[in-house]
Amino acid sequence: MVRRSALLMACVIGAFAVAGCSHDVNPVRDTFASMGAAAKVPPAPDFVVASRSYEQGDYIPVGIRQPPRKYPARTPEQIKAVEGQLDAARNRTDAQGRAVLRESAAPSN
């Protein structure tokens, strides 16, 4: 009988120890808080409360059709045209950089 009660007590202590690591359910913290020995948790600052909306979840709903796009997707021809513009801008920037390097490498008299 003593052995069984010791085993039961070890299981209860182990459960309390493991539950102490839990964030939501913490019987050790709750026991100390009920005795007045726990630290007081300050309320969240106003900017934290205002920046976090708890009414709406931060998840993407599943099974709900998303609203249509404001602008249609670009066609492959439009994508190629934009890539050409970006390549031209890169080439201009590279040419300007090379010109600055040449000027800075030239000896100044």
PDB file of N, CA and C in Angstrom:
ATOM      1  N   MET A   1       0.820  -1.188   0.000  1.00  0.00           N
ATOM      2  CA  MET A   1       0.000   0.000   0.000  1.00  0.00           C
ATOM      3  C   MET A   1       0.869   1.259   0.000  1.00  0.00           C
ATOM      4  N   VAL A   2       1.951   1.232   0.774  1.00  0.00           N
ATOM      5  CA  VAL A   2       2.849   2.370   0.840  1.00  0.00           C
ATOM      6  C   VAL A   2       3.509   2.591  -0.514  1.00  0.00           C
ATOM      7  N   ARG A   3       3.839   1.492  -1.141  1.00  0.00           N
ATOM      8  CA  ARG A   3       4.490   1.599  -2.446  1.00  0.00           C
ATOM      9  C   ARG A   3       3.549   2.228  -3.480  1.00  0.00           C
ATOM     10  N   ARG A   4       2.272   1.837  -3.428  1.00  0.00           N
ATOM     11  CA  ARG A   4       1.294   2.382  -4.365  1.00  0.00           C
ATOM     12  C   ARG A   4       1.067   3.869  -4.111  1.00  0.00           C
ATOM     13  N   SER A   5       0.991   4.272  -2.855  1.00  0.00           N
ATOM     14  CA  SER A   5       0.776   5.696  -2.554  1.00  0.00           C
ATOM     15  C   SER A   5       2.022   6.516  -2.915  1.00  0.00           C
ATOM     16  N   ALA A   6       3.206   5.921  -2.753  1.00  0.00           N
ATOM     17  CA  ALA A   6       4.425   6.623  -3.147  1.00  0.00           C
ATOM     18  C   ALA A   6       4.467   6.810  -4.668  1.00  0.00           C
ATOM     19  N   LEU A   7       4.028   5.791  -5.387  1.00  0.00           N
ATOM     20  CA  LEU A   7       3.978   5.888  -6.843  1.00  0.00           C
ATOM     21  C   LEU A   7       2.953   6.940  -7.276  1.00  0.00           C
ATOM     22  N   LEU A   8       1.804   6.953  -6.621  1.00  0.00           N
ATOM     23  CA  LEU A   8       0.782   7.948  -6.936  1.00  0.00           C
ATOM     24  C   LEU A   8       1.292   9.351  -6.639  1.00  0.00           C
ATOM     25  N   MET A   9       1.966   9.507  -5.525  1.00  0.00           N
ATOM     26  CA  MET A   9       2.521  10.819  -5.162  1.00  0.00           C
ATOM     27  C   MET A   9       3.589  11.251  -6.161  1.00  0.00           C
ATOM     28  N   ALA A  10       4.413  10.332  -6.621  1.00  0.00           N
ATOM     29  CA  ALA A  10       5.433  10.656  -7.619  1.00  0.00           C
ATOM     30  C   ALA A  10       4.777  11.075  -8.930  1.00  0.00           C
ATOM     31  N   CYS A  11       3.688  10.413  -9.301  1.00  0.00           N
ATOM     32  CA  CYS A  11       2.974  10.795 -10.531  1.00  0.00           C
ATOM     33  C   CYS A  11       2.363  12.185 -10.398  1.00  0.00           C
ATOM     34  N   VAL A  12       1.798  12.499  -9.243  1.00  0.00           N
ATOM     35  CA  VAL A  12       1.187  13.817  -9.031  1.00  0.00           C
ATOM     36  C   VAL A  12       2.260  14.898  -9.057  1.00  0.00           C
ATOM     37  N   ILE A  13       3.382  14.662  -8.399  1.00  0.00           N
ATOM     38  CA  ILE A  13       4.475  15.637  -8.406  1.00  0.00           C
ATOM     39  C   ILE A  13       5.028  15.805  -9.812  1.00  0.00           C
ATOM     40  N   GLY A  14       5.163  14.709 -10.547  1.00  0.00           N
ATOM     41  CA  GLY A  14       5.622  14.787 -11.924  1.00  0.00           C
ATOM     42  C   GLY A  14       4.654  15.568 -12.799  1.00  0.00           C
ATOM     43  N   ALA A  15       3.350  15.370 -12.589  1.00  0.00           N
ATOM     44  CA  ALA A  15       2.350  16.106 -13.360  1.00  0.00           C
ATOM     45  C   ALA A  15       2.436  17.594 -13.055  1.00  0.00           C
ATOM     46  N   PHE A  16       2.616  17.935 -11.786  1.00  0.00           N
ATOM     47  CA  PHE A  16       2.759  19.347 -11.432  1.00  0.00           C
ATOM     48  C   PHE A  16       4.030  19.941 -12.041  1.00  0.00           C
ATOM     49  N   ALA A  17       5.099  19.178 -12.049  1.00  0.00           N
ATOM     50  CA  ALA A  17       6.355  19.678 -12.612  1.00  0.00           C
ATOM     51  C   ALA A  17       6.230  19.894 -14.115  1.00  0.00           C
ATOM     52  N   VAL A  18       5.592  18.969 -14.802  1.00  0.00           N
ATOM     53  CA  VAL A  18       5.417  19.116 -16.245  1.00  0.00           C
ATOM     54  C   VAL A  18       4.427  20.230 -16.541  1.00  0.00           C
ATOM     55  N   ALA A  19       3.375  20.337 -15.752  1.00  0.00           N
ATOM     56  CA  ALA A  19       2.388  21.400 -15.967  1.00  0.00           C
ATOM     57  C   ALA A  19       2.991  22.767 -15.674  1.00  0.00           C
ATOM     58  N   GLY A  20       4.043  22.813 -14.884  1.00  0.00           N
ATOM     59  CA  GLY A  20       4.707  24.085 -14.602  1.00  0.00           C
ATOM     60  C   GLY A  20       5.344  24.679 -15.838  1.00  0.00           C
ATOM     61  N   CYS A  21       5.627  23.866 -16.835  1.00  0.00           N
ATOM     62  CA  CYS A  21       6.212  24.357 -18.077  1.00  0.00           C
ATOM     63  C   CYS A  21       5.152  24.866 -19.043  1.00  0.00           C
ATOM     64  N   SER A  22       3.909  24.560 -18.753  1.00  0.00           N
ATOM     65  CA  SER A  22       2.830  24.972 -19.645  1.00  0.00           C
ATOM     66  C   SER A  22       2.561  26.456 -19.483  1.00  0.00           C
ATOM     67  N   HIS A  23       2.142  27.074 -20.563  1.00  0.00           N
ATOM     68  CA  HIS A  23       1.876  28.512 -20.532  1.00  0.00           C
ATOM     69  C   HIS A  23       0.472  28.814 -20.023  1.00  0.00           C
ATOM     70  N   ASP A  24      -0.508  28.050 -20.491  1.00  0.00           N
ATOM     71  CA  ASP A  24      -1.890  28.345 -20.147  1.00  0.00           C
ATOM     72  C   ASP A  24      -2.281  27.780 -18.784  1.00  0.00           C
ATOM     73  N   VAL A  25      -1.927  26.542 -18.534  1.00  0.00           N
ATOM     74  CA  VAL A  25      -2.313  25.885 -17.292  1.00  0.00           C
ATOM     75  C   VAL A  25      -1.046  25.651 -16.487  1.00  0.00           C
ATOM     76  N   ASN A  26      -0.935  26.344 -15.393  1.00  0.00           N
ATOM     77  CA  ASN A  26       0.251  26.236 -14.557  1.00  0.00           C
ATOM     78  C   ASN A  26      -0.203  26.177 -13.108  1.00  0.00           C
ATOM     79  N   PRO A  27      -0.407  24.964 -12.584  1.00  0.00           N
ATOM     80  CA  PRO A  27      -0.912  24.874 -11.214  1.00  0.00           C
ATOM     81  C   PRO A  27       0.072  25.410 -10.180  1.00  0.00           C
ATOM     82  N   VAL A  28       1.361  25.299 -10.440  1.00  0.00           N
ATOM     83  CA  VAL A  28       2.337  25.825  -9.490  1.00  0.00           C
ATOM     84  C   VAL A  28       2.208  27.348  -9.415  1.00  0.00           C
ATOM     85  N   ARG A  29       2.156  28.001 -10.566  1.00  0.00           N
ATOM     86  CA  ARG A  29       1.997  29.457 -10.591  1.00  0.00           C
ATOM     87  C   ARG A  29       0.675  29.861  -9.960  1.00  0.00           C
ATOM     88  N   ASP A  30      -0.400  29.123 -10.288  1.00  0.00           N
ATOM     89  CA  ASP A  30      -1.716  29.451  -9.741  1.00  0.00           C
ATOM     90  C   ASP A  30      -1.749  29.282  -8.224  1.00  0.00           C
ATOM     91  N   THR A  31      -1.057  28.286  -7.718  1.00  0.00           N
ATOM     92  CA  THR A  31      -1.004  28.087  -6.262  1.00  0.00           C
ATOM     93  C   THR A  31      -0.285  29.246  -5.595  1.00  0.00           C
ATOM     94  N   PHE A  32       0.857  29.625  -6.135  1.00  0.00           N
ATOM     95  CA  PHE A  32       1.592  30.756  -5.554  1.00  0.00           C
ATOM     96  C   PHE A  32       0.812  32.060  -5.716  1.00  0.00           C
ATOM     97  N   ALA A  33       0.118  32.211  -6.831  1.00  0.00           N
ATOM     98  CA  ALA A  33      -0.669  33.423  -7.033  1.00  0.00           C
ATOM     99  C   ALA A  33      -1.820  33.499  -6.043  1.00  0.00           C
ATOM    100  N   SER A  34      -2.428  32.349  -5.731  1.00  0.00           N
ATOM    101  CA  SER A  34      -3.530  32.367  -4.770  1.00  0.00           C
ATOM    102  C   SER A  34      -3.043  32.683  -3.362  1.00  0.00           C
ATOM    103  N   MET A  35      -1.778  32.370  -3.079  1.00  0.00           N
ATOM    104  CA  MET A  35      -1.201  32.708  -1.770  1.00  0.00           C
ATOM    105  C   MET A  35      -0.650  34.131  -1.748  1.00  0.00           C
ATOM    106  N   GLY A  36      -0.602  34.783  -2.912  1.00  0.00           N
ATOM    107  CA  GLY A  36      -0.103  36.148  -2.974  1.00  0.00           C
ATOM    108  C   GLY A  36       1.391  36.248  -3.169  1.00  0.00           C
ATOM    109  N   ALA A  37       2.043  35.140  -3.502  1.00  0.00           N
ATOM    110  CA  ALA A  37       3.494  35.139  -3.649  1.00  0.00           C
ATOM    111  C   ALA A  37       3.944  35.292  -5.099  1.00  0.00           C
ATOM    112  N   ALA A  38       3.022  35.351  -6.030  1.00  0.00           N
ATOM    113  CA  ALA A  38       3.397  35.449  -7.443  1.00  0.00           C
ATOM    114  C   ALA A  38       3.575  36.908  -7.842  1.00  0.00           C
ATOM    115  N   ALA A  39       4.349  37.112  -8.883  1.00  0.00           N
ATOM    116  CA  ALA A  39       4.558  38.465  -9.386  1.00  0.00           C
ATOM    117  C   ALA A  39       3.292  38.942 -10.084  1.00  0.00           C
ATOM    118  N   LYS A  40       3.023  40.204  -9.963  1.00  0.00           N
ATOM    119  CA  LYS A  40       1.857  40.794 -10.630  1.00  0.00           C
ATOM    120  C   LYS A  40       2.205  41.044 -12.094  1.00  0.00           C
ATOM    121  N   VAL A  41       1.338  40.615 -12.990  1.00  0.00           N
ATOM    122  CA  VAL A  41       1.555  40.804 -14.415  1.00  0.00           C
ATOM    123  C   VAL A  41       0.970  42.155 -14.795  1.00  0.00           C
ATOM    124  N   PRO A  42       1.803  43.077 -15.302  1.00  0.00           N
ATOM    125  CA  PRO A  42       1.278  44.388 -15.670  1.00  0.00           C
ATOM    126  C   PRO A  42       0.421  44.287 -16.928  1.00  0.00           C
ATOM    127  N   PRO A  43      -0.553  45.167 -17.065  1.00  0.00           N
ATOM    128  CA  PRO A  43      -1.360  45.144 -18.284  1.00  0.00           C
ATOM    129  C   PRO A  43      -0.523  45.579 -19.487  1.00  0.00           C
ATOM    130  N   ALA A  44      -0.935  45.137 -20.653  1.00  0.00           N
ATOM    131  CA  ALA A  44      -0.211  45.478 -21.876  1.00  0.00           C
ATOM    132  C   ALA A  44      -0.358  46.970 -22.153  1.00  0.00           C
ATOM    133  N   PRO A  45       0.705  47.618 -22.675  1.00  0.00           N
ATOM    134  CA  PRO A  45       0.602  49.039 -23.029  1.00  0.00           C
ATOM    135  C   PRO A  45      -0.462  49.263 -24.108  1.00  0.00           C
ATOM    136  N   ASP A  46      -0.946  50.484 -24.184  1.00  0.00           N
ATOM    137  CA  ASP A  46      -2.019  50.807 -25.125  1.00  0.00           C
ATOM    138  C   ASP A  46      -1.623  50.533 -26.571  1.00  0.00           C
ATOM    139  N   PHE A  47      -0.362  50.844 -26.947  1.00  0.00           N
ATOM    140  CA  PHE A  47       0.029  50.636 -28.340  1.00  0.00           C
ATOM    141  C   PHE A  47       0.061  49.155 -28.694  1.00  0.00           C
ATOM    142  N   VAL A  48       0.307  48.290 -27.723  1.00  0.00           N
ATOM    143  CA  VAL A  48       0.298  46.853 -27.994  1.00  0.00           C
ATOM    144  C   VAL A  48      -1.136  46.385 -28.195  1.00  0.00           C
ATOM    145  N   VAL A  49      -2.017  46.835 -27.332  1.00  0.00           N
ATOM    146  CA  VAL A  49      -3.423  46.451 -27.455  1.00  0.00           C
ATOM    147  C   VAL A  49      -3.999  46.967 -28.760  1.00  0.00           C
ATOM    148  N   ALA A  50      -3.641  48.198 -29.135  1.00  0.00           N
ATOM    149  CA  ALA A  50      -4.174  48.785 -30.368  1.00  0.00           C
ATOM    150  C   ALA A  50      -3.616  48.109 -31.618  1.00  0.00           C
ATOM    151  N   SER A  51      -2.385  47.598 -31.552  1.00  0.00           N
ATOM    152  CA  SER A  51      -1.774  47.023 -32.747  1.00  0.00           C
ATOM    153  C   SER A  51      -2.173  45.569 -32.974  1.00  0.00           C
ATOM    154  N   ARG A  52      -2.778  44.946 -31.993  1.00  0.00           N
ATOM    155  CA  ARG A  52      -3.156  43.538 -32.124  1.00  0.00           C
ATOM    156  C   ARG A  52      -4.670  43.403 -32.038  1.00  0.00           C
ATOM    157  N   SER A  53      -5.251  43.005 -33.125  1.00  0.00           N
ATOM    158  CA  SER A  53      -6.687  42.818 -33.175  1.00  0.00           C
ATOM    159  C   SER A  53      -6.978  41.356 -32.870  1.00  0.00           C
ATOM    160  N   TYR A  54      -7.656  41.115 -31.769  1.00  0.00           N
ATOM    161  CA  TYR A  54      -7.947  39.734 -31.392  1.00  0.00           C
ATOM    162  C   TYR A  54      -9.298  39.272 -31.910  1.00  0.00           C
ATOM    163  N   GLU A  55     -10.072  40.178 -32.516  1.00  0.00           N
ATOM    164  CA  GLU A  55     -11.344  39.757 -33.072  1.00  0.00           C
ATOM    165  C   GLU A  55     -11.128  38.963 -34.357  1.00  0.00           C
ATOM    166  N   GLN A  56     -10.168  39.386 -35.174  1.00  0.00           N
ATOM    167  CA  GLN A  56      -9.890  38.715 -36.431  1.00  0.00           C
ATOM    168  C   GLN A  56      -8.646  37.864 -36.263  1.00  0.00           C
ATOM    169  N   GLY A  57      -8.701  36.642 -36.763  1.00  0.00           N
ATOM    170  CA  GLY A  57      -7.540  35.772 -36.699  1.00  0.00           C
ATOM    171  C   GLY A  57      -6.495  36.180 -37.720  1.00  0.00           C
ATOM    172  N   ASP A  58      -5.274  35.821 -37.457  1.00  0.00           N
ATOM    173  CA  ASP A  58      -4.185  36.116 -38.384  1.00  0.00           C
ATOM    174  C   ASP A  58      -3.931  34.920 -39.294  1.00  0.00           C
ATOM    175  N   TYR A  59      -4.980  34.302 -39.733  1.00  0.00           N
ATOM    176  CA  TYR A  59      -4.831  33.130 -40.585  1.00  0.00           C
ATOM    177  C   TYR A  59      -5.515  33.378 -41.917  1.00  0.00           C
ATOM    178  N   ILE A  60      -5.163  32.586 -42.878  1.00  0.00           N
ATOM    179  CA  ILE A  60      -5.775  32.675 -44.193  1.00  0.00           C
ATOM    180  C   ILE A  60      -6.961  31.722 -44.186  1.00  0.00           C
ATOM    181  N   PRO A  61      -8.163  32.225 -44.412  1.00  0.00           N
ATOM    182  CA  PRO A  61      -9.326  31.333 -44.387  1.00  0.00           C
ATOM    183  C   PRO A  61      -9.269  30.304 -45.517  1.00  0.00           C
ATOM    184  N   VAL A  62      -9.695  29.113 -45.197  1.00  0.00           N
ATOM    185  CA  VAL A  62      -9.666  28.014 -46.157  1.00  0.00           C
ATOM    186  C   VAL A  62     -11.081  27.807 -46.688  1.00  0.00           C
ATOM    187  N   GLY A  63     -11.194  27.606 -47.983  1.00  0.00           N
ATOM    188  CA  GLY A  63     -12.491  27.327 -48.576  1.00  0.00           C
ATOM    189  C   GLY A  63     -13.292  28.568 -48.916  1.00  0.00           C
ATOM    190  N   ILE A  64     -12.703  29.731 -48.773  1.00  0.00           N
ATOM    191  CA  ILE A  64     -13.392  30.978 -49.099  1.00  0.00           C
ATOM    192  C   ILE A  64     -12.695  31.583 -50.309  1.00  0.00           C
ATOM    193  N   ARG A  65     -13.482  31.931 -51.310  1.00  0.00           N
ATOM    194  CA  ARG A  65     -12.909  32.514 -52.521  1.00  0.00           C
ATOM    195  C   ARG A  65     -12.409  33.920 -52.219  1.00  0.00           C
ATOM    196  N   GLN A  66     -11.198  34.186 -52.636  1.00  0.00           N
ATOM    197  CA  GLN A  66     -10.602  35.499 -52.423  1.00  0.00           C
ATOM    198  C   GLN A  66     -11.252  36.515 -53.349  1.00  0.00           C
ATOM    199  N   PRO A  67     -11.272  37.784 -52.952  1.00  0.00           N
ATOM    200  CA  PRO A  67     -11.854  38.790 -53.848  1.00  0.00           C
ATOM    201  C   PRO A  67     -11.009  38.919 -55.106  1.00  0.00           C
ATOM    202  N   PRO A  68     -11.617  39.347 -56.218  1.00  0.00           N
ATOM    203  CA  PRO A  68     -10.850  39.461 -57.464  1.00  0.00           C
ATOM    204  C   PRO A  68      -9.782  40.549 -57.350  1.00  0.00           C
ATOM    205  N   ARG A  69      -8.730  40.402 -58.143  1.00  0.00           N
ATOM    206  CA  ARG A  69      -7.645  41.379 -58.137  1.00  0.00           C
ATOM    207  C   ARG A  69      -8.121  42.704 -58.706  1.00  0.00           C
ATOM    208  N   LYS A  70      -7.499  43.781 -58.238  1.00  0.00           N
ATOM    209  CA  LYS A  70      -7.823  45.097 -58.777  1.00  0.00           C
ATOM    210  C   LYS A  70      -7.313  45.224 -60.209  1.00  0.00           C
ATOM    211  N   TYR A  71      -6.161  44.615 -60.456  1.00  0.00           N
ATOM    212  CA  TYR A  71      -5.539  44.693 -61.781  1.00  0.00           C
ATOM    213  C   TYR A  71      -5.341  43.278 -62.290  1.00  0.00           C
ATOM    214  N   PRO A  72      -5.552  43.043 -63.577  1.00  0.00           N
ATOM    215  CA  PRO A  72      -5.349  41.691 -64.105  1.00  0.00           C
ATOM    216  C   PRO A  72      -3.860  41.331 -64.109  1.00  0.00           C
ATOM    217  N   ALA A  73      -3.592  40.045 -64.120  1.00  0.00           N
ATOM    218  CA  ALA A  73      -2.209  39.573 -64.161  1.00  0.00           C
ATOM    219  C   ALA A  73      -1.577  39.977 -65.495  1.00  0.00           C
ATOM    220  N   ARG A  74      -0.271  40.195 -65.477  1.00  0.00           N
ATOM    221  CA  ARG A  74       0.429  40.601 -66.706  1.00  0.00           C
ATOM    222  C   ARG A  74       0.577  39.425 -67.649  1.00  0.00           C
ATOM    223  N   THR A  75       0.551  39.744 -68.919  1.00  0.00           N
ATOM    224  CA  THR A  75       0.745  38.724 -69.941  1.00  0.00           C
ATOM    225  C   THR A  75       2.247  38.480 -70.093  1.00  0.00           C
ATOM    226  N   PRO A  76       2.644  37.372 -70.698  1.00  0.00           N
ATOM    227  CA  PRO A  76       4.074  37.126 -70.906  1.00  0.00           C
ATOM    228  C   PRO A  76       4.766  38.242 -71.697  1.00  0.00           C
ATOM    229  N   GLU A  77       4.057  38.859 -72.639  1.00  0.00           N
ATOM    230  CA  GLU A  77       4.650  39.960 -73.409  1.00  0.00           C
ATOM    231  C   GLU A  77       4.912  41.171 -72.506  1.00  0.00           C
ATOM    232  N   GLN A  78       3.968  41.462 -71.612  1.00  0.00           N
ATOM    233  CA  GLN A  78       4.148  42.576 -70.688  1.00  0.00           C
ATOM    234  C   GLN A  78       5.312  42.306 -69.733  1.00  0.00           C
ATOM    235  N   ILE A  79       5.451  41.070 -69.308  1.00  0.00           N
ATOM    236  CA  ILE A  79       6.557  40.707 -68.414  1.00  0.00           C
ATOM    237  C   ILE A  79       7.896  40.894 -69.130  1.00  0.00           C
ATOM    238  N   LYS A  80       7.970  40.458 -70.379  1.00  0.00           N
ATOM    239  CA  LYS A  80       9.205  40.640 -71.158  1.00  0.00           C
ATOM    240  C   LYS A  80       9.533  42.119 -71.321  1.00  0.00           C
ATOM    241  N   ALA A  81       8.520  42.958 -71.553  1.00  0.00           N
ATOM    242  CA  ALA A  81       8.747  44.395 -71.717  1.00  0.00           C
ATOM    243  C   ALA A  81       9.290  44.999 -70.415  1.00  0.00           C
ATOM    244  N   VAL A  82       8.731  44.612 -69.284  1.00  0.00           N
ATOM    245  CA  VAL A  82       9.209  45.134 -68.002  1.00  0.00           C
ATOM    246  C   VAL A  82      10.630  44.642 -67.741  1.00  0.00           C
ATOM    247  N   GLU A  83      10.927  43.384 -68.061  1.00  0.00           N
ATOM    248  CA  GLU A  83      12.289  42.868 -67.891  1.00  0.00           C
ATOM    249  C   GLU A  83      13.271  43.651 -68.751  1.00  0.00           C
ATOM    250  N   GLY A  84      12.862  44.007 -69.977  1.00  0.00           N
ATOM    251  CA  GLY A  84      13.719  44.807 -70.847  1.00  0.00           C
ATOM    252  C   GLY A  84      13.987  46.183 -70.246  1.00  0.00           C
ATOM    253  N   GLN A  85      12.960  46.803 -69.670  1.00  0.00           N
ATOM    254  CA  GLN A  85      13.138  48.107 -69.024  1.00  0.00           C
ATOM    255  C   GLN A  85      14.090  47.998 -67.834  1.00  0.00           C
ATOM    256  N   LEU A  86      13.945  46.934 -67.058  1.00  0.00           N
ATOM    257  CA  LEU A  86      14.836  46.751 -65.902  1.00  0.00           C
ATOM    258  C   LEU A  86      16.274  46.496 -66.342  1.00  0.00           C
ATOM    259  N   ASP A  87      16.442  45.706 -67.400  1.00  0.00           N
ATOM    260  CA  ASP A  87      17.795  45.463 -67.926  1.00  0.00           C
ATOM    261  C   ASP A  87      18.427  46.762 -68.419  1.00  0.00           C
ATOM    262  N   ALA A  88      17.642  47.595 -69.102  1.00  0.00           N
ATOM    263  CA  ALA A  88      18.166  48.873 -69.598  1.00  0.00           C
ATOM    264  C   ALA A  88      18.563  49.779 -68.439  1.00  0.00           C
ATOM    265  N   ALA A  89      17.752  49.805 -67.389  1.00  0.00           N
ATOM    266  CA  ALA A  89      18.085  50.626 -66.219  1.00  0.00           C
ATOM    267  C   ALA A  89      19.353  50.108 -65.544  1.00  0.00           C
ATOM    268  N   ARG A  90      19.505  48.792 -65.470  1.00  0.00           N
ATOM    269  CA  ARG A  90      20.716  48.216 -64.875  1.00  0.00           C
ATOM    270  C   ARG A  90      21.946  48.570 -65.703  1.00  0.00           C
ATOM    271  N   ASN A  91      21.824  48.489 -67.014  1.00  0.00           N
ATOM    272  CA  ASN A  91      22.955  48.819 -67.885  1.00  0.00           C
ATOM    273  C   ASN A  91      23.351  50.289 -67.750  1.00  0.00           C
ATOM    274  N   ARG A  92      22.352  51.191 -67.641  1.00  0.00           N
ATOM    275  CA  ARG A  92      22.655  52.615 -67.439  1.00  0.00           C
ATOM    276  C   ARG A  92      23.386  52.832 -66.122  1.00  0.00           C
ATOM    277  N   THR A  93      22.911  52.178 -65.077  1.00  0.00           N
ATOM    278  CA  THR A  93      23.547  52.325 -63.764  1.00  0.00           C
ATOM    279  C   THR A  93      24.962  51.772 -63.783  1.00  0.00           C
ATOM    280  N   ASP A  94      25.165  50.627 -64.420  1.00  0.00           N
ATOM    281  CA  ASP A  94      26.510  50.056 -64.523  1.00  0.00           C
ATOM    282  C   ASP A  94      27.442  50.996 -65.282  1.00  0.00           C
ATOM    283  N   ALA A  95      26.940  51.597 -66.372  1.00  0.00           N
ATOM    284  CA  ALA A  95      27.766  52.516 -67.154  1.00  0.00           C
ATOM    285  C   ALA A  95      28.141  53.746 -66.322  1.00  0.00           C
ATOM    286  N   GLN A  96      27.206  54.261 -65.548  1.00  0.00           N
ATOM    287  CA  GLN A  96      27.506  55.409 -64.690  1.00  0.00           C
ATOM    288  C   GLN A  96      28.543  55.028 -63.633  1.00  0.00           C
ATOM    289  N   GLY A  97      28.426  53.836 -63.079  1.00  0.00           N
ATOM    290  CA  GLY A  97      29.392  53.382 -62.080  1.00  0.00           C
ATOM    291  C   GLY A  97      30.779  53.221 -62.659  1.00  0.00           C
ATOM    292  N   ARG A  98      30.863  52.673 -63.886  1.00  0.00           N
ATOM    293  CA  ARG A  98      32.169  52.528 -64.535  1.00  0.00           C
ATOM    294  C   ARG A  98      32.786  53.886 -64.826  1.00  0.00           C
ATOM    295  N   ALA A  99      31.962  54.861 -65.220  1.00  0.00           N
ATOM    296  CA  ALA A  99      32.473  56.202 -65.494  1.00  0.00           C
ATOM    297  C   ALA A  99      33.022  56.848 -64.217  1.00  0.00           C
ATOM    298  N   VAL A 100      32.344  56.646 -63.114  1.00  0.00           N
ATOM    299  CA  VAL A 100      32.835  57.211 -61.833  1.00  0.00           C
ATOM    300  C   VAL A 100      34.135  56.526 -61.440  1.00  0.00           C
ATOM    301  N   LEU A 101      34.249  55.223 -61.636  1.00  0.00           N
ATOM    302  CA  LEU A 101      35.494  54.515 -61.307  1.00  0.00           C
ATOM    303  C   LEU A 101      36.649  55.003 -62.170  1.00  0.00           C
ATOM    304  N   ARG A 102      36.372  55.226 -63.464  1.00  0.00           N
ATOM    305  CA  ARG A 102      37.442  55.723 -64.343  1.00  0.00           C
ATOM    306  C   ARG A 102      37.910  57.101 -63.877  1.00  0.00           C
ATOM    307  N   GLU A 103      36.967  57.961 -63.527  1.00  0.00           N
ATOM    308  CA  GLU A 103      37.341  59.302 -63.089  1.00  0.00           C
ATOM    309  C   GLU A 103      38.093  59.276 -61.761  1.00  0.00           C
ATOM    310  N   SER A 104      37.691  58.389 -60.867  1.00  0.00           N
ATOM    311  CA  SER A 104      38.369  58.350 -59.567  1.00  0.00           C
ATOM    312  C   SER A 104      39.732  57.669 -59.686  1.00  0.00           C
ATOM    313  N   ALA A 105      39.924  56.810 -60.690  1.00  0.00           N
ATOM    314  CA  ALA A 105      41.212  56.133 -60.866  1.00  0.00           C
ATOM    315  C   ALA A 105      42.200  56.996 -61.620  1.00  0.00           C
ATOM    316  N   ALA A 106      41.709  58.019 -62.324  1.00  0.00           N
ATOM    317  CA  ALA A 106      42.607  58.878 -63.092  1.00  0.00           C
ATOM    318  C   ALA A 106      43.429  59.745 -62.133  1.00  0.00           C
ATOM    319  N   PRO A 107      44.719  59.901 -62.418  1.00  0.00           N
ATOM    320  CA  PRO A 107      45.520  60.727 -61.514  1.00  0.00           C
ATOM    321  C   PRO A 107      45.090  62.195 -61.607  1.00  0.00           C
ATOM    322  N   SER A 108      45.016  62.825 -60.476  1.00  0.00           N
ATOM    323  CA  SER A 108      44.630  64.233 -60.456  1.00  0.00           C
ATOM    324  C   SER A 108      45.876  65.084 -60.287  1.00  0.00           C
ATOM    325  N   ASN A 109      46.035  66.090 -61.137  1.00  0.00           N
ATOM    326  CA  ASN A 109      47.235  66.945 -61.109  1.00  0.00           C
ATOM    327  C   ASN A 109      46.875  68.283 -60.544  1.00  0.00           C
TER     328      ASN A 109
END
